[in-house]
């Protein structure tokens, strides 16, 4: 049996925000959806990832910051649909991150979080 990959465990209906999204709106989205981070996508091309926004970024937002663009992380660590769950687990641990966008041909096709990897490795 081949190893499970990102495409086997990823969430395909990815919640995203844009750089212009107001910080309060982004924070409410995370709270309402019970998620801890989201990819930030290009204003026009919703499949192009330009950053990532996490709870930590919002908590550390400087006074006066108004939009996601001012607090998001621009360096995004991503994986391909063919990346194995063991490789994903290693990336999450080594980089101390909680999620990775899944990109195919530079386009956002999914997201894998720590809990997705745990489910795949150990069941629910």
PDB file of N, CA and C in Angstrom:
ATOM      1  N   UNK A   1       0.846  -1.181   0.000  1.00  0.00           N
ATOM      2  CA  UNK A   1       0.000   0.000   0.000  1.00  0.00           C
ATOM      3  C   UNK A   1       0.890   1.243   0.000  1.00  0.00           C
ATOM      4  N   UNK A   2       0.681   2.144  -0.978  1.00  0.00           N
ATOM      5  CA  UNK A   2       1.538   3.341  -1.050  1.00  0.00           C
ATOM      6  C   UNK A   2       1.286   4.276   0.139  1.00  0.00           C
ATOM      7  N   UNK A   3       2.316   5.042   0.452  1.00  0.00           N
ATOM      8  CA  UNK A   3       2.218   5.998   1.564  1.00  0.00           C
ATOM      9  C   UNK A   3       1.166   7.053   1.263  1.00  0.00           C
ATOM     10  N   UNK A   4       0.464   7.472   2.315  1.00  0.00           N
ATOM     11  CA  UNK A   4      -0.514   8.540   2.142  1.00  0.00           C
ATOM     12  C   UNK A   4       0.221   9.843   1.856  1.00  0.00           C
ATOM     13  N   UNK A   5      -0.429  10.668   1.032  1.00  0.00           N
ATOM     14  CA  UNK A   5       0.168  11.948   0.645  1.00  0.00           C
ATOM     15  C   UNK A   5      -0.778  13.091   0.991  1.00  0.00           C
ATOM     16  N   UNK A   6      -0.295  14.294   0.765  1.00  0.00           N
ATOM     17  CA  UNK A   6      -1.103  15.485   1.056  1.00  0.00           C
ATOM     18  C   UNK A   6      -2.462  15.410   0.378  1.00  0.00           C
ATOM     19  N   UNK A   7      -2.498  14.947  -0.864  1.00  0.00           N
ATOM     20  CA  UNK A   7      -3.782  14.920  -1.586  1.00  0.00           C
ATOM     21  C   UNK A   7      -4.800  13.993  -0.928  1.00  0.00           C
ATOM     22  N   UNK A   8      -4.300  13.001  -0.153  1.00  0.00           N
ATOM     23  CA  UNK A   8      -5.189  12.062   0.527  1.00  0.00           C
ATOM     24  C   UNK A   8      -5.820  12.645   1.792  1.00  0.00           C
ATOM     25  N   UNK A   9      -5.168  13.621   2.395  1.00  0.00           N
ATOM     26  CA  UNK A   9      -5.630  14.111   3.701  1.00  0.00           C
ATOM     27  C   UNK A   9      -5.957  15.604   3.733  1.00  0.00           C
ATOM     28  N   UNK A  10      -5.661  16.315   2.656  1.00  0.00           N
ATOM     29  CA  UNK A  10      -5.832  17.773   2.684  1.00  0.00           C
ATOM     30  C   UNK A  10      -7.303  18.195   2.684  1.00  0.00           C
ATOM     31  N   UNK A  11      -7.532  19.358   3.252  1.00  0.00           N
ATOM     32  CA  UNK A  11      -8.832  20.007   3.166  1.00  0.00           C
ATOM     33  C   UNK A  11      -8.825  20.787   1.858  1.00  0.00           C
ATOM     34  N   UNK A  12      -9.826  20.565   1.021  1.00  0.00           N
ATOM     35  CA  UNK A  12      -9.833  21.221  -0.285  1.00  0.00           C
ATOM     36  C   UNK A  12     -10.665  22.500  -0.312  1.00  0.00           C
ATOM     37  N   UNK A  13     -11.571  22.628   0.636  1.00  0.00           N
ATOM     38  CA  UNK A  13     -12.354  23.867   0.724  1.00  0.00           C
ATOM     39  C   UNK A  13     -11.641  24.775   1.719  1.00  0.00           C
ATOM     40  N   UNK A  14     -10.611  25.459   1.214  1.00  0.00           N
ATOM     41  CA  UNK A  14      -9.712  26.231   2.066  1.00  0.00           C
ATOM     42  C   UNK A  14     -10.296  27.610   2.357  1.00  0.00           C
ATOM     43  N   UNK A  15     -10.350  27.953   3.633  1.00  0.00           N
ATOM     44  CA  UNK A  15     -10.746  29.290   4.058  1.00  0.00           C
ATOM     45  C   UNK A  15      -9.540  30.188   3.831  1.00  0.00           C
ATOM     46  N   UNK A  16      -9.740  31.320   3.148  1.00  0.00           N
ATOM     47  CA  UNK A  16      -8.644  32.241   2.860  1.00  0.00           C
ATOM     48  C   UNK A  16      -9.056  33.676   3.184  1.00  0.00           C
ATOM     49  N   UNK A  17      -8.056  34.546   3.240  1.00  0.00           N
ATOM     50  CA  UNK A  17      -8.291  35.990   3.337  1.00  0.00           C
ATOM     51  C   UNK A  17      -7.415  36.662   2.294  1.00  0.00           C
ATOM     52  N   UNK A  18      -7.658  37.941   2.063  1.00  0.00           N
ATOM     53  CA  UNK A  18      -6.860  38.741   1.131  1.00  0.00           C
ATOM     54  C   UNK A  18      -5.998  39.715   1.928  1.00  0.00           C
ATOM     55  N   UNK A  19      -4.950  40.249   1.330  1.00  0.00           N
ATOM     56  CA  UNK A  19      -4.119  41.229   2.034  1.00  0.00           C
ATOM     57  C   UNK A  19      -4.918  42.444   2.517  1.00  0.00           C
ATOM     58  N   UNK A  20      -5.956  42.803   1.796  1.00  0.00           N
ATOM     59  CA  UNK A  20      -6.746  43.989   2.148  1.00  0.00           C
ATOM     60  C   UNK A  20      -7.812  43.718   3.217  1.00  0.00           C
ATOM     61  N   UNK A  21      -7.963  42.456   3.633  1.00  0.00           N
ATOM     62  CA  UNK A  21      -8.971  42.121   4.640  1.00  0.00           C
ATOM     63  C   UNK A  21      -8.654  42.864   5.944  1.00  0.00           C
ATOM     64  N   UNK A  22      -9.630  43.551   6.520  1.00  0.00           N
ATOM     65  CA  UNK A  22      -9.397  44.216   7.804  1.00  0.00           C
ATOM     66  C   UNK A  22      -9.074  43.192   8.896  1.00  0.00           C
ATOM     67  N   UNK A  23      -8.165  43.542   9.780  1.00  0.00           N
ATOM     68  CA  UNK A  23      -7.749  42.637  10.851  1.00  0.00           C
ATOM     69  C   UNK A  23      -8.930  42.132  11.679  1.00  0.00           C
ATOM     70  N   UNK A  24      -9.864  42.993  12.119  1.00  0.00           N
ATOM     71  CA  UNK A  24     -10.982  42.468  12.914  1.00  0.00           C
ATOM     72  C   UNK A  24     -11.806  41.413  12.153  1.00  0.00           C
ATOM     73  N   UNK A  25     -11.974  41.624  10.855  1.00  0.00           N
ATOM     74  CA  UNK A  25     -12.728  40.658  10.046  1.00  0.00           C
ATOM     75  C   UNK A  25     -11.992  39.325   9.972  1.00  0.00           C
ATOM     76  N   UNK A  26     -10.672  39.362   9.790  1.00  0.00           N
ATOM     77  CA  UNK A  26      -9.876  38.135   9.736  1.00  0.00           C
ATOM     78  C   UNK A  26      -9.930  37.405  11.077  1.00  0.00           C
ATOM     79  N   UNK A  27      -9.830  38.155  12.165  1.00  0.00           N
ATOM     80  CA  UNK A  27      -9.875  37.536  13.503  1.00  0.00           C
ATOM     81  C   UNK A  27     -11.221  36.866  13.743  1.00  0.00           C
ATOM     82  N   UNK A  28     -12.303  37.537  13.369  1.00  0.00           N
ATOM     83  CA  UNK A  28     -13.644  36.944  13.540  1.00  0.00           C
ATOM     84  C   UNK A  28     -13.786  35.674  12.714  1.00  0.00           C
ATOM     85  N   UNK A  29     -13.199  35.658  11.530  1.00  0.00           N
ATOM     86  CA  UNK A  29     -13.249  34.481  10.657  1.00  0.00           C
ATOM     87  C   UNK A  29     -12.574  33.283  11.335  1.00  0.00           C
ATOM     88  N   UNK A  30     -11.398  33.506  11.915  1.00  0.00           N
ATOM     89  CA  UNK A  30     -10.700  32.415  12.606  1.00  0.00           C
ATOM     90  C   UNK A  30     -11.531  31.905  13.774  1.00  0.00           C
ATOM     91  N   UNK A  31     -12.086  32.813  14.543  1.00  0.00           N
ATOM     92  CA  UNK A  31     -12.891  32.423  15.700  1.00  0.00           C
ATOM     93  C   UNK A  31     -14.139  31.659  15.257  1.00  0.00           C
ATOM     94  N   UNK A  32     -14.849  32.212  14.287  1.00  0.00           N
ATOM     95  CA  UNK A  32     -16.107  31.608  13.821  1.00  0.00           C
ATOM     96  C   UNK A  32     -15.869  30.212  13.238  1.00  0.00           C
ATOM     97  N   UNK A  33     -14.788  30.055  12.482  1.00  0.00           N
ATOM     98  CA  UNK A  33     -14.502  28.765  11.837  1.00  0.00           C
ATOM     99  C   UNK A  33     -13.715  27.805  12.719  1.00  0.00           C
ATOM    100  N   UNK A  34     -13.291  28.301  13.892  1.00  0.00           N
ATOM    101  CA  UNK A  34     -12.501  27.485  14.825  1.00  0.00           C
ATOM    102  C   UNK A  34     -11.227  26.961  14.158  1.00  0.00           C
ATOM    103  N   UNK A  35     -10.512  27.866  13.508  1.00  0.00           N
ATOM    104  CA  UNK A  35      -9.240  27.542  12.863  1.00  0.00           C
ATOM    105  C   UNK A  35      -8.176  28.500  13.383  1.00  0.00           C
ATOM    106  N   UNK A  36      -6.924  28.085  13.280  1.00  0.00           N
ATOM    107  CA  UNK A  36      -5.856  28.899  13.863  1.00  0.00           C
ATOM    108  C   UNK A  36      -5.015  29.644  12.835  1.00  0.00           C
ATOM    109  N   UNK A  37      -5.321  29.470  11.563  1.00  0.00           N
ATOM    110  CA  UNK A  37      -4.579  30.182  10.535  1.00  0.00           C
ATOM    111  C   UNK A  37      -5.180  29.954   9.161  1.00  0.00           C
ATOM    112  N   UNK A  38      -4.861  30.884   8.255  1.00  0.00           N
ATOM    113  CA  UNK A  38      -5.387  30.805   6.892  1.00  0.00           C
ATOM    114  C   UNK A  38      -4.351  31.306   5.889  1.00  0.00           C
ATOM    115  N   UNK A  39      -4.377  30.760   4.675  1.00  0.00           N
ATOM    116  CA  UNK A  39      -3.559  31.323   3.615  1.00  0.00           C
ATOM    117  C   UNK A  39      -4.106  32.702   3.224  1.00  0.00           C
ATOM    118  N   UNK A  40      -3.187  33.568   2.836  1.00  0.00           N
ATOM    119  CA  UNK A  40      -3.560  34.878   2.301  1.00  0.00           C
ATOM    120  C   UNK A  40      -3.363  34.783   0.792  1.00  0.00           C
ATOM    121  N   UNK A  41      -4.432  35.083   0.048  1.00  0.00           N
ATOM    122  CA  UNK A  41      -4.366  34.938  -1.408  1.00  0.00           C
ATOM    123  C   UNK A  41      -4.368  36.299  -2.093  1.00  0.00           C
ATOM    124  N   UNK A  42      -3.847  36.311  -3.294  1.00  0.00           N
ATOM    125  CA  UNK A  42      -3.784  37.518  -4.113  1.00  0.00           C
ATOM    126  C   UNK A  42      -5.168  38.141  -4.262  1.00  0.00           C
ATOM    127  N   UNK A  43      -5.221  39.449  -4.317  1.00  0.00           N
ATOM    128  CA  UNK A  43      -6.498  40.162  -4.432  1.00  0.00           C
ATOM    129  C   UNK A  43      -7.325  39.707  -5.632  1.00  0.00           C
ATOM    130  N   UNK A  44      -6.655  39.419  -6.756  1.00  0.00           N
ATOM    131  CA  UNK A  44      -7.383  39.048  -7.978  1.00  0.00           C
ATOM    132  C   UNK A  44      -7.373  37.540  -8.231  1.00  0.00           C
ATOM    133  N   UNK A  45      -6.242  36.897  -7.940  1.00  0.00           N
ATOM    134  CA  UNK A  45      -6.093  35.466  -8.207  1.00  0.00           C
ATOM    135  C   UNK A  45      -6.188  34.703  -6.891  1.00  0.00           C
ATOM    136  N   UNK A  46      -7.367  34.168  -6.601  1.00  0.00           N
ATOM    137  CA  UNK A  46      -7.612  33.496  -5.321  1.00  0.00           C
ATOM    138  C   UNK A  46      -6.890  32.164  -5.180  1.00  0.00           C
ATOM    139  N   UNK A  47      -6.141  31.750  -6.210  1.00  0.00           N
ATOM    140  CA  UNK A  47      -5.376  30.512  -6.109  1.00  0.00           C
ATOM    141  C   UNK A  47      -3.895  30.798  -5.864  1.00  0.00           C
ATOM    142  N   UNK A  48      -3.490  32.076  -5.877  1.00  0.00           N
ATOM    143  CA  UNK A  48      -2.087  32.438  -5.669  1.00  0.00           C
ATOM    144  C   UNK A  48      -1.876  32.857  -4.210  1.00  0.00           C
ATOM    145  N   UNK A  49      -1.081  32.072  -3.493  1.00  0.00           N
ATOM    146  CA  UNK A  49      -0.820  32.346  -2.079  1.00  0.00           C
ATOM    147  C   UNK A  49       0.284  33.397  -1.965  1.00  0.00           C
ATOM    148  N   UNK A  50      -0.009  34.469  -1.230  1.00  0.00           N
ATOM    149  CA  UNK A  50       0.971  35.554  -1.044  1.00  0.00           C
ATOM    150  C   UNK A  50       1.429  35.671   0.412  1.00  0.00           C
ATOM    151  N   UNK A  51       0.829  34.877   1.285  1.00  0.00           N
ATOM    152  CA  UNK A  51       1.214  34.924   2.694  1.00  0.00           C
ATOM    153  C   UNK A  51       0.401  33.951   3.498  1.00  0.00           C
ATOM    154  N   UNK A  52       0.633  33.978   4.808  1.00  0.00           N
ATOM    155  CA  UNK A  52      -0.155  33.155   5.724  1.00  0.00           C
ATOM    156  C   UNK A  52      -0.434  34.002   6.959  1.00  0.00           C
ATOM    157  N   UNK A  53      -1.617  33.844   7.518  1.00  0.00           N
ATOM    158  CA  UNK A  53      -2.029  34.605   8.693  1.00  0.00           C
ATOM    159  C   UNK A  53      -2.414  33.627   9.787  1.00  0.00           C
ATOM    160  N   UNK A  54      -1.848  33.814  10.984  1.00  0.00           N
ATOM    161  CA  UNK A  54      -2.142  32.922  12.101  1.00  0.00           C
ATOM    162  C   UNK A  54      -2.675  33.714  13.294  1.00  0.00           C
ATOM    163  N   UNK A  55      -3.195  32.962  14.256  1.00  0.00           N
ATOM    164  CA  UNK A  55      -3.640  33.587  15.508  1.00  0.00           C
ATOM    165  C   UNK A  55      -2.499  34.389  16.123  1.00  0.00           C
ATOM    166  N   UNK A  56      -1.297  33.828  16.102  1.00  0.00           N
ATOM    167  CA  UNK A  56      -0.138  34.499  16.690  1.00  0.00           C
ATOM    168  C   UNK A  56       0.131  35.836  16.003  1.00  0.00           C
ATOM    169  N   UNK A  57      -0.013  35.875  14.679  1.00  0.00           N
ATOM    170  CA  UNK A  57       0.197  37.126  13.945  1.00  0.00           C
ATOM    171  C   UNK A  57      -0.810  38.180  14.392  1.00  0.00           C
ATOM    172  N   UNK A  58      -2.048  37.748  14.592  1.00  0.00           N
ATOM    173  CA  UNK A  58      -3.096  38.689  15.021  1.00  0.00           C
ATOM    174  C   UNK A  58      -2.860  39.152  16.455  1.00  0.00           C
ATOM    175  N   UNK A  59      -2.435  38.247  17.312  1.00  0.00           N
ATOM    176  CA  UNK A  59      -2.155  38.619  18.702  1.00  0.00           C
ATOM    177  C   UNK A  59      -0.989  39.596  18.796  1.00  0.00           C
ATOM    178  N   UNK A  60      -0.024  39.455  17.902  1.00  0.00           N
ATOM    179  CA  UNK A  60       1.160  40.310  17.913  1.00  0.00           C
ATOM    180  C   UNK A  60       1.015  41.559  17.053  1.00  0.00           C
ATOM    181  N   UNK A  61      -0.155  41.756  16.460  1.00  0.00           N
ATOM    182  CA  UNK A  61      -0.363  42.905  15.561  1.00  0.00           C
ATOM    183  C   UNK A  61      -0.048  44.211  16.285  1.00  0.00           C
ATOM    184  N   UNK A  62       0.782  45.049  15.669  1.00  0.00           N
ATOM    185  CA  UNK A  62       1.100  46.326  16.308  1.00  0.00           C
ATOM    186  C   UNK A  62      -0.117  47.250  16.337  1.00  0.00           C
ATOM    187  N   UNK A  63      -0.152  48.133  17.321  1.00  0.00           N
ATOM    188  CA  UNK A  63      -1.237  49.110  17.388  1.00  0.00           C
ATOM    189  C   UNK A  63      -1.241  49.906  16.096  1.00  0.00           C
ATOM    190  N   UNK A  64      -2.395  50.116  15.586  1.00  0.00           N
ATOM    191  CA  UNK A  64      -2.509  50.883  14.338  1.00  0.00           C
ATOM    192  C   UNK A  64      -2.562  50.036  13.085  1.00  0.00           C
ATOM    193  N   UNK A  65      -2.202  48.747  13.184  1.00  0.00           N
ATOM    194  CA  UNK A  65      -2.285  47.864  12.017  1.00  0.00           C
ATOM    195  C   UNK A  65      -3.753  47.685  11.665  1.00  0.00           C
ATOM    196  N   UNK A  66      -4.056  47.818  10.384  1.00  0.00           N
ATOM    197  CA  UNK A  66      -5.459  47.772   9.956  1.00  0.00           C
ATOM    198  C   UNK A  66      -5.802  46.580   9.062  1.00  0.00           C
ATOM    199  N   UNK A  67      -4.834  46.134   8.266  1.00  0.00           N
ATOM    200  CA  UNK A  67      -5.141  45.071   7.310  1.00  0.00           C
ATOM    201  C   UNK A  67      -4.226  43.862   7.494  1.00  0.00           C
ATOM    202  N   UNK A  68      -4.663  42.744   6.929  1.00  0.00           N
ATOM    203  CA  UNK A  68      -3.900  41.501   6.968  1.00  0.00           C
ATOM    204  C   UNK A  68      -2.504  41.706   6.388  1.00  0.00           C
ATOM    205  N   UNK A  69      -2.369  42.500   5.346  1.00  0.00           N
ATOM    206  CA  UNK A  69      -1.069  42.729   4.704  1.00  0.00           C
ATOM    207  C   UNK A  69      -0.019  43.228   5.690  1.00  0.00           C
ATOM    208  N   UNK A  70      -0.446  43.932   6.720  1.00  0.00           N
ATOM    209  CA  UNK A  70       0.485  44.517   7.687  1.00  0.00           C
ATOM    210  C   UNK A  70       0.982  43.508   8.725  1.00  0.00           C
ATOM    211  N   UNK A  71       0.310  42.382   8.877  1.00  0.00           N
ATOM    212  CA  UNK A  71       0.688  41.425   9.932  1.00  0.00           C
ATOM    213  C   UNK A  71       0.966  40.013   9.424  1.00  0.00           C
ATOM    214  N   UNK A  72       0.620  39.714   8.183  1.00  0.00           N
ATOM    215  CA  UNK A  72       0.807  38.356   7.653  1.00  0.00           C
ATOM    216  C   UNK A  72       2.285  38.027   7.483  1.00  0.00           C
ATOM    217  N   UNK A  73       2.562  36.741   7.437  1.00  0.00           N
ATOM    218  CA  UNK A  73       3.914  36.267   7.124  1.00  0.00           C
ATOM    219  C   UNK A  73       3.986  36.077   5.620  1.00  0.00           C
ATOM    220  N   UNK A  74       5.007  36.658   5.026  1.00  0.00           N
ATOM    221  CA  UNK A  74       5.126  36.590   3.563  1.00  0.00           C
ATOM    222  C   UNK A  74       5.862  35.336   3.097  1.00  0.00           C
ATOM    223  N   UNK A  75       6.690  34.751   3.966  1.00  0.00           N
ATOM    224  CA  UNK A  75       7.397  33.512   3.602  1.00  0.00           C
ATOM    225  C   UNK A  75       6.505  32.335   3.947  1.00  0.00           C
ATOM    226  N   UNK A  76       5.991  31.695   2.924  1.00  0.00           N
ATOM    227  CA  UNK A  76       5.050  30.596   3.124  1.00  0.00           C
ATOM    228  C   UNK A  76       5.737  29.267   2.808  1.00  0.00           C
ATOM    229  N   UNK A  77       5.668  28.362   3.758  1.00  0.00           N
ATOM    230  CA  UNK A  77       6.178  27.015   3.543  1.00  0.00           C
ATOM    231  C   UNK A  77       5.002  26.190   3.034  1.00  0.00           C
ATOM    232  N   UNK A  78       5.169  25.587   1.864  1.00  0.00           N
ATOM    233  CA  UNK A  78       4.074  24.824   1.264  1.00  0.00           C
ATOM    234  C   UNK A  78       4.570  23.444   0.857  1.00  0.00           C
ATOM    235  N   UNK A  79       3.618  22.598   0.483  1.00  0.00           N
ATOM    236  CA  UNK A  79       3.927  21.257  -0.003  1.00  0.00           C
ATOM    237  C   UNK A  79       3.150  21.017  -1.293  1.00  0.00           C
ATOM    238  N   UNK A  80       3.511  19.940  -1.976  1.00  0.00           N
ATOM    239  CA  UNK A  80       2.771  19.549  -3.173  1.00  0.00           C
ATOM    240  C   UNK A  80       1.768  18.461  -2.806  1.00  0.00           C
ATOM    241  N   UNK A  81       0.809  18.183  -3.682  1.00  0.00           N
ATOM    242  CA  UNK A  81      -0.152  17.109  -3.401  1.00  0.00           C
ATOM    243  C   UNK A  81       0.509  15.750  -3.198  1.00  0.00           C
ATOM    244  N   UNK A  82       1.714  15.558  -3.753  1.00  0.00           N
ATOM    245  CA  UNK A  82       2.412  14.264  -3.669  1.00  0.00           C
ATOM    246  C   UNK A  82       3.307  14.126  -2.446  1.00  0.00           C
ATOM    247  N   UNK A  83       3.429  15.168  -1.630  1.00  0.00           N
ATOM    248  CA  UNK A  83       4.274  15.104  -0.431  1.00  0.00           C
ATOM    249  C   UNK A  83       3.678  14.098   0.551  1.00  0.00           C
ATOM    250  N   UNK A  84       4.505  13.185   1.058  1.00  0.00           N
ATOM    251  CA  UNK A  84       3.999  12.158   1.964  1.00  0.00           C
ATOM    252  C   UNK A  84       3.669  12.762   3.331  1.00  0.00           C
ATOM    253  N   UNK A  85       2.809  12.066   4.070  1.00  0.00           N
ATOM    254  CA  UNK A  85       2.437  12.589   5.395  1.00  0.00           C
ATOM    255  C   UNK A  85       3.630  12.589   6.335  1.00  0.00           C
ATOM    256  N   UNK A  86       4.566  11.665   6.161  1.00  0.00           N
ATOM    257  CA  UNK A  86       5.766  11.677   7.001  1.00  0.00           C
ATOM    258  C   UNK A  86       6.617  12.909   6.705  1.00  0.00           C
ATOM    259  N   UNK A  87       6.723  13.269   5.431  1.00  0.00           N
ATOM    260  CA  UNK A  87       7.460  14.482   5.064  1.00  0.00           C
ATOM    261  C   UNK A  87       6.757  15.724   5.622  1.00  0.00           C
ATOM    262  N   UNK A  88       5.437  15.739   5.536  1.00  0.00           N
ATOM    263  CA  UNK A  88       4.672  16.872   6.066  1.00  0.00           C
ATOM    264  C   UNK A  88       4.871  16.984   7.569  1.00  0.00           C
ATOM    265  N   UNK A  89       4.788  15.847   8.271  1.00  0.00           N
ATOM    266  CA  UNK A  89       4.993  15.845   9.723  1.00  0.00           C
ATOM    267  C   UNK A  89       6.370  16.422  10.062  1.00  0.00           C
ATOM    268  N   UNK A  90       7.386  16.018   9.320  1.00  0.00           N
ATOM    269  CA  UNK A  90       8.747  16.509   9.577  1.00  0.00           C
ATOM    270  C   UNK A  90       8.838  18.022   9.359  1.00  0.00           C
ATOM    271  N   UNK A  91       8.194  18.513   8.324  1.00  0.00           N
ATOM    272  CA  UNK A  91       8.194  19.960   8.042  1.00  0.00           C
ATOM    273  C   UNK A  91       7.502  20.712   9.174  1.00  0.00           C
ATOM    274  N   UNK A  92       6.339  20.223   9.596  1.00  0.00           N
ATOM    275  CA  UNK A  92       5.582  20.893  10.657  1.00  0.00           C
ATOM    276  C   UNK A  92       6.400  20.967  11.945  1.00  0.00           C
ATOM    277  N   UNK A  93       7.078  19.883  12.278  1.00  0.00           N
ATOM    278  CA  UNK A  93       7.877  19.851  13.499  1.00  0.00           C
ATOM    279  C   UNK A  93       9.123  20.733  13.364  1.00  0.00           C
ATOM    280  N   UNK A  94       9.868  20.546  12.284  1.00  0.00           N
ATOM    281  CA  UNK A  94      11.127  21.280  12.101  1.00  0.00           C
ATOM    282  C   UNK A  94      10.894  22.786  12.043  1.00  0.00           C
ATOM    283  N   UNK A  95       9.866  23.193  11.331  1.00  0.00           N
ATOM    284  CA  UNK A  95       9.590  24.625  11.140  1.00  0.00           C
ATOM    285  C   UNK A  95       8.728  25.217  12.256  1.00  0.00           C
ATOM    286  N   UNK A  96       8.252  24.354  13.152  1.00  0.00           N
ATOM    287  CA  UNK A  96       7.388  24.787  14.265  1.00  0.00           C
ATOM    288  C   UNK A  96       6.154  25.542  13.757  1.00  0.00           C
ATOM    289  N   UNK A  97       5.501  24.933  12.766  1.00  0.00           N
ATOM    290  CA  UNK A  97       4.290  25.515  12.191  1.00  0.00           C
ATOM    291  C   UNK A  97       3.134  24.535  12.351  1.00  0.00           C
ATOM    292  N   UNK A  98       1.917  25.023  12.167  1.00  0.00           N
ATOM    293  CA  UNK A  98       0.730  24.199  12.415  1.00  0.00           C
ATOM    294  C   UNK A  98       0.009  23.771  11.148  1.00  0.00           C
ATOM    295  N   UNK A  99       0.358  24.368  10.011  1.00  0.00           N
ATOM    296  CA  UNK A  99      -0.340  24.038   8.776  1.00  0.00           C
ATOM    297  C   UNK A  99       0.542  24.368   7.582  1.00  0.00           C
ATOM    298  N   UNK A 100       0.280  23.697   6.457  1.00  0.00           N
ATOM    299  CA  UNK A 100       0.969  24.007   5.207  1.00  0.00           C
ATOM    300  C   UNK A 100      -0.041  24.034   4.070  1.00  0.00           C
ATOM    301  N   UNK A 101      -0.020  25.104   3.277  1.00  0.00           N
ATOM    302  CA  UNK A 101      -0.844  25.104   2.072  1.00  0.00           C
ATOM    303  C   UNK A 101      -0.307  24.057   1.096  1.00  0.00           C
ATOM    304  N   UNK A 102      -1.212  23.480   0.328  1.00  0.00           N
ATOM    305  CA  UNK A 102      -0.840  22.520  -0.701  1.00  0.00           C
ATOM    306  C   UNK A 102      -0.981  23.234  -2.042  1.00  0.00           C
ATOM    307  N   UNK A 103       0.148  23.333  -2.751  1.00  0.00           N
ATOM    308  CA  UNK A 103       0.160  24.037  -4.026  1.00  0.00           C
ATOM    309  C   UNK A 103       0.463  23.065  -5.155  1.00  0.00           C
ATOM    310  N   UNK A 104      -0.262  23.228  -6.249  1.00  0.00           N
ATOM    311  CA  UNK A 104      -0.022  22.436  -7.456  1.00  0.00           C
ATOM    312  C   UNK A 104       0.114  23.411  -8.603  1.00  0.00           C
ATOM    313  N   UNK A 105       1.284  23.413  -9.230  1.00  0.00           N
ATOM    314  CA  UNK A 105       1.522  24.378 -10.300  1.00  0.00           C
ATOM    315  C   UNK A 105       1.412  25.811  -9.798  1.00  0.00           C
ATOM    316  N   UNK A 106       1.799  26.035  -8.551  1.00  0.00           N
ATOM    317  CA  UNK A 106       1.742  27.370  -7.974  1.00  0.00           C
ATOM    318  C   UNK A 106       0.361  27.803  -7.517  1.00  0.00           C
ATOM    319  N   UNK A 107      -0.615  26.927  -7.664  1.00  0.00           N
ATOM    320  CA  UNK A 107      -1.995  27.270  -7.294  1.00  0.00           C
ATOM    321  C   UNK A 107      -2.422  26.529  -6.025  1.00  0.00           C
ATOM    322  N   UNK A 108      -3.171  27.219  -5.183  1.00  0.00           N
ATOM    323  CA  UNK A 108      -3.673  26.639  -3.944  1.00  0.00           C
ATOM    324  C   UNK A 108      -4.739  25.597  -4.251  1.00  0.00           C
ATOM    325  N   UNK A 109      -4.486  24.353  -3.785  1.00  0.00           N
ATOM    326  CA  UNK A 109      -5.464  23.279  -3.995  1.00  0.00           C
ATOM    327  C   UNK A 109      -5.941  22.664  -2.688  1.00  0.00           C
ATOM    328  N   UNK A 110      -5.278  23.021  -1.572  1.00  0.00           N
ATOM    329  CA  UNK A 110      -5.677  22.469  -0.288  1.00  0.00           C
ATOM    330  C   UNK A 110      -4.807  22.984   0.835  1.00  0.00           C
ATOM    331  N   UNK A 111      -5.069  22.463   2.025  1.00  0.00           N
ATOM    332  CA  UNK A 111      -4.265  22.795   3.200  1.00  0.00           C
ATOM    333  C   UNK A 111      -4.225  21.562   4.096  1.00  0.00           C
ATOM    334  N   UNK A 112      -3.076  21.340   4.732  1.00  0.00           N
ATOM    335  CA  UNK A 112      -2.915  20.225   5.663  1.00  0.00           C
ATOM    336  C   UNK A 112      -2.477  20.804   7.000  1.00  0.00           C
ATOM    337  N   UNK A 113      -3.190  20.414   8.056  1.00  0.00           N
ATOM    338  CA  UNK A 113      -2.853  20.874   9.399  1.00  0.00           C
ATOM    339  C   UNK A 113      -2.289  19.707  10.208  1.00  0.00           C
ATOM    340  N   UNK A 114      -1.780  20.036  11.387  1.00  0.00           N
ATOM    341  CA  UNK A 114      -1.250  18.997  12.271  1.00  0.00           C
ATOM    342  C   UNK A 114      -2.291  17.919  12.552  1.00  0.00           C
ATOM    343  N   UNK A 115      -3.519  18.326  12.795  1.00  0.00           N
ATOM    344  CA  UNK A 115      -4.562  17.349  13.138  1.00  0.00           C
ATOM    345  C   UNK A 115      -4.844  16.409  11.967  1.00  0.00           C
ATOM    346  N   UNK A 116      -4.735  16.909  10.727  1.00  0.00           N
ATOM    347  CA  UNK A 116      -4.928  16.058   9.544  1.00  0.00           C
ATOM    348  C   UNK A 116      -3.872  14.955   9.514  1.00  0.00           C
ATOM    349  N   UNK A 117      -2.625  15.329   9.825  1.00  0.00           N
ATOM    350  CA  UNK A 117      -1.541  14.347   9.838  1.00  0.00           C
ATOM    351  C   UNK A 117      -1.742  13.330  10.958  1.00  0.00           C
ATOM    352  N   UNK A 118      -2.140  13.817  12.139  1.00  0.00           N
ATOM    353  CA  UNK A 118      -2.383  12.895  13.255  1.00  0.00           C
ATOM    354  C   UNK A 118      -3.498  11.908  12.922  1.00  0.00           C
ATOM    355  N   UNK A 119      -4.586  12.399  12.323  1.00  0.00           N
ATOM    356  CA  UNK A 119      -5.689  11.509  11.933  1.00  0.00           C
ATOM    357  C   UNK A 119      -5.206  10.438  10.954  1.00  0.00           C
ATOM    358  N   UNK A 120      -4.415  10.865   9.985  1.00  0.00           N
ATOM    359  CA  UNK A 120      -3.938   9.930   8.964  1.00  0.00           C
ATOM    360  C   UNK A 120      -3.004   8.873   9.552  1.00  0.00           C
ATOM    361  N   UNK A 121      -2.177   9.280  10.501  1.00  0.00           N
ATOM    362  CA  UNK A 121      -1.215   8.358  11.092  1.00  0.00           C
ATOM    363  C   UNK A 121      -1.817   7.451  12.153  1.00  0.00           C
ATOM    364  N   UNK A 122      -2.755   7.985  12.932  1.00  0.00           N
ATOM    365  CA  UNK A 122      -3.229   7.243  14.103  1.00  0.00           C
ATOM    366  C   UNK A 122      -4.727   7.023  14.168  1.00  0.00           C
ATOM    367  N   UNK A 123      -5.465   7.529  13.201  1.00  0.00           N
ATOM    368  CA  UNK A 123      -6.913   7.377  13.211  1.00  0.00           C
ATOM    369  C   UNK A 123      -7.575   8.403  14.107  1.00  0.00           C
ATOM    370  N   UNK A 124      -8.899   8.397  14.097  1.00  0.00           N
ATOM    371  CA  UNK A 124      -9.634   9.422  14.870  1.00  0.00           C
ATOM    372  C   UNK A 124      -9.898   8.982  16.273  1.00  0.00           C
TER     373      UNK A 124
END
